[in-house]
Amino acid sequence: MKKHFGTCFNSLLTITNLPMGTKLYLEYRNLYEHYLHFLESRFNFRIVEYLMYCNKLLIDYLGNIYDYDFNQMTNIPAKTRDIIY
């Protein structure tokens, strides 16, 4: 990254992304509950304040509000419509 783009990281956090088809595959193989337990057992509460969606909203072309892109893809609206400016 530094060589090609001039970008250098001193600390980099990643998140797990579960594509929609993966859930169906895990359920078919009876691995979904195991996978959820795996993610839960490795959850780090210290990083919550750094999550990228804590202060962002997604609004689709119809004006529906979502608090996470996965929720937008599964049509789950934001839990609150209170927006702090």
C-alpha atoms as a PDB file:
ATOM      1  CA  MET A   1       0.000   0.000   0.000  1.00  0.00           C
ATOM      2  CA  LYS A   2       2.757   2.426   0.877  1.00  0.00           C
ATOM      3  CA  LYS A   3       4.774   1.675  -2.264  1.00  0.00           C
ATOM      4  CA  HIS A   4       1.853   2.022  -4.657  1.00  0.00           C
ATOM      5  CA  PHE A   5      -0.471   4.479  -2.920  1.00  0.00           C
ATOM      6  CA  GLY A   6       1.550   6.217  -0.205  1.00  0.00           C
ATOM      7  CA  THR A   7      -0.703   4.719   2.473  1.00  0.00           C
ATOM      8  CA  CYS A   8       0.717   3.263   5.665  1.00  0.00           C
ATOM      9  CA  PHE A   9      -1.187   1.606   8.502  1.00  0.00           C
ATOM     10  CA  ASN A  10       0.029   1.445  12.087  1.00  0.00           C
ATOM     11  CA  SER A  11      -3.099  -0.393  13.230  1.00  0.00           C
ATOM     12  CA  LEU A  12      -5.676  -2.052  11.025  1.00  0.00           C
ATOM     13  CA  LEU A  13      -8.920  -3.659  12.179  1.00  0.00           C
ATOM     14  CA  THR A  14     -11.045  -5.879   9.987  1.00  0.00           C
ATOM     15  CA  ILE A  15     -14.578  -7.164  10.294  1.00  0.00           C
ATOM     16  CA  THR A  16     -16.170 -10.392   9.187  1.00  0.00           C
ATOM     17  CA  ASN A  17     -18.537 -10.063   6.286  1.00  0.00           C
ATOM     18  CA  LEU A  18     -21.064 -12.848   5.779  1.00  0.00           C
ATOM     19  CA  PRO A  19     -22.437 -12.798   2.219  1.00  0.00           C
ATOM     20  CA  MET A  20     -26.088 -13.795   1.968  1.00  0.00           C
ATOM     21  CA  GLY A  21     -25.352 -17.112   0.227  1.00  0.00           C
ATOM     22  CA  THR A  22     -22.874 -18.098   2.932  1.00  0.00           C
ATOM     23  CA  LYS A  23     -25.600 -18.225   5.581  1.00  0.00           C
ATOM     24  CA  LEU A  24     -27.631 -20.645   3.467  1.00  0.00           C
ATOM     25  CA  TYR A  25     -24.549 -22.773   2.837  1.00  0.00           C
ATOM     26  CA  LEU A  26     -23.686 -22.899   6.554  1.00  0.00           C
ATOM     27  CA  GLU A  27     -27.257 -23.824   7.437  1.00  0.00           C
ATOM     28  CA  TYR A  28     -27.255 -26.570   4.784  1.00  0.00           C
ATOM     29  CA  ARG A  29     -24.038 -28.004   6.269  1.00  0.00           C
ATOM     30  CA  ASN A  30     -25.335 -27.610   9.861  1.00  0.00           C
ATOM     31  CA  LEU A  31     -22.460 -25.222  10.608  1.00  0.00           C
ATOM     32  CA  TYR A  32     -24.360 -21.961  11.115  1.00  0.00           C
ATOM     33  CA  GLU A  33     -24.680 -22.198  14.920  1.00  0.00           C
ATOM     34  CA  HIS A  34     -21.013 -23.190  15.196  1.00  0.00           C
ATOM     35  CA  TYR A  35     -20.038 -20.194  13.061  1.00  0.00           C
ATOM     36  CA  LEU A  36     -22.092 -17.801  15.215  1.00  0.00           C
ATOM     37  CA  HIS A  37     -20.490 -19.218  18.365  1.00  0.00           C
ATOM     38  CA  PHE A  38     -17.063 -18.804  16.769  1.00  0.00           C
ATOM     39  CA  LEU A  39     -17.745 -15.116  16.018  1.00  0.00           C
ATOM     40  CA  GLU A  40     -19.262 -14.474  19.446  1.00  0.00           C
ATOM     41  CA  SER A  41     -16.351 -16.068  21.287  1.00  0.00           C
ATOM     42  CA  ARG A  42     -13.897 -13.770  19.517  1.00  0.00           C
ATOM     43  CA  PHE A  43     -15.873 -10.525  19.833  1.00  0.00           C
ATOM     44  CA  ASN A  44     -13.793  -7.691  21.269  1.00  0.00           C
ATOM     45  CA  PHE A  45     -15.843  -5.078  23.156  1.00  0.00           C
ATOM     46  CA  ARG A  46     -12.893  -2.648  23.133  1.00  0.00           C
ATOM     47  CA  ILE A  47     -13.307  -2.004  19.405  1.00  0.00           C
ATOM     48  CA  VAL A  48     -17.015  -1.096  19.419  1.00  0.00           C
ATOM     49  CA  GLU A  49     -16.309   2.642  19.571  1.00  0.00           C
ATOM     50  CA  TYR A  50     -14.244   2.305  16.366  1.00  0.00           C
ATOM     51  CA  LEU A  51     -16.859   0.480  14.280  1.00  0.00           C
ATOM     52  CA  MET A  52     -17.566   2.309  11.042  1.00  0.00           C
ATOM     53  CA  TYR A  53     -21.351   2.312  11.265  1.00  0.00           C
ATOM     54  CA  CYS A  54     -21.751   3.852  14.711  1.00  0.00           C
ATOM     55  CA  ASN A  55     -22.407   7.304  13.271  1.00  0.00           C
ATOM     56  CA  LYS A  56     -23.483   6.687   9.677  1.00  0.00           C
ATOM     57  CA  LEU A  57     -26.818   6.076   7.999  1.00  0.00           C
ATOM     58  CA  LEU A  58     -27.647   4.649   4.602  1.00  0.00           C
ATOM     59  CA  ILE A  59     -30.629   6.058   2.729  1.00  0.00           C
ATOM     60  CA  ASP A  60     -31.942   4.288  -0.360  1.00  0.00           C
ATOM     61  CA  TYR A  61     -33.510   5.964  -3.388  1.00  0.00           C
ATOM     62  CA  LEU A  62     -36.976   5.635  -1.821  1.00  0.00           C
ATOM     63  CA  GLY A  63     -35.897   7.425   1.369  1.00  0.00           C
ATOM     64  CA  ASN A  64     -35.765   4.314   3.572  1.00  0.00           C
ATOM     65  CA  ILE A  65     -33.170   4.613   6.332  1.00  0.00           C
ATOM     66  CA  TYR A  66     -30.784   1.804   7.315  1.00  0.00           C
ATOM     67  CA  ASP A  67     -28.027   1.690   9.914  1.00  0.00           C
ATOM     68  CA  TYR A  68     -25.873  -0.921   8.178  1.00  0.00           C
ATOM     69  CA  ASP A  69     -25.430  -2.078   4.578  1.00  0.00           C
ATOM     70  CA  PHE A  70     -26.336  -5.676   5.467  1.00  0.00           C
ATOM     71  CA  ASN A  71     -29.624  -4.394   6.883  1.00  0.00           C
ATOM     72  CA  GLN A  72     -30.268  -2.500   3.668  1.00  0.00           C
ATOM     73  CA  MET A  73     -29.671  -5.667   1.615  1.00  0.00           C
ATOM     74  CA  THR A  74     -32.083  -7.622   3.828  1.00  0.00           C
ATOM     75  CA  ASN A  75     -34.598  -4.742   4.048  1.00  0.00           C
ATOM     76  CA  ILE A  76     -34.293  -4.253   7.830  1.00  0.00           C
ATOM     77  CA  PRO A  77     -34.870  -0.550   8.581  1.00  0.00           C
ATOM     78  CA  ALA A  78     -32.932   1.421  11.192  1.00  0.00           C
ATOM     79  CA  LYS A  79     -34.256   0.865  14.725  1.00  0.00           C
ATOM     80  CA  THR A  80     -34.807   4.565  15.303  1.00  0.00           C
ATOM     81  CA  ARG A  81     -35.549   7.513  13.079  1.00  0.00           C
ATOM     82  CA  ASP A  82     -33.982   9.948  15.558  1.00  0.00           C
ATOM     83  CA  ILE A  83     -31.124  11.618  13.727  1.00  0.00           C
ATOM     84  CA  ILE A  84     -28.629  13.732  15.641  1.00  0.00           C
ATOM     85  CA  TYR A  85     -27.093  16.568  13.655  1.00  0.00           C
END
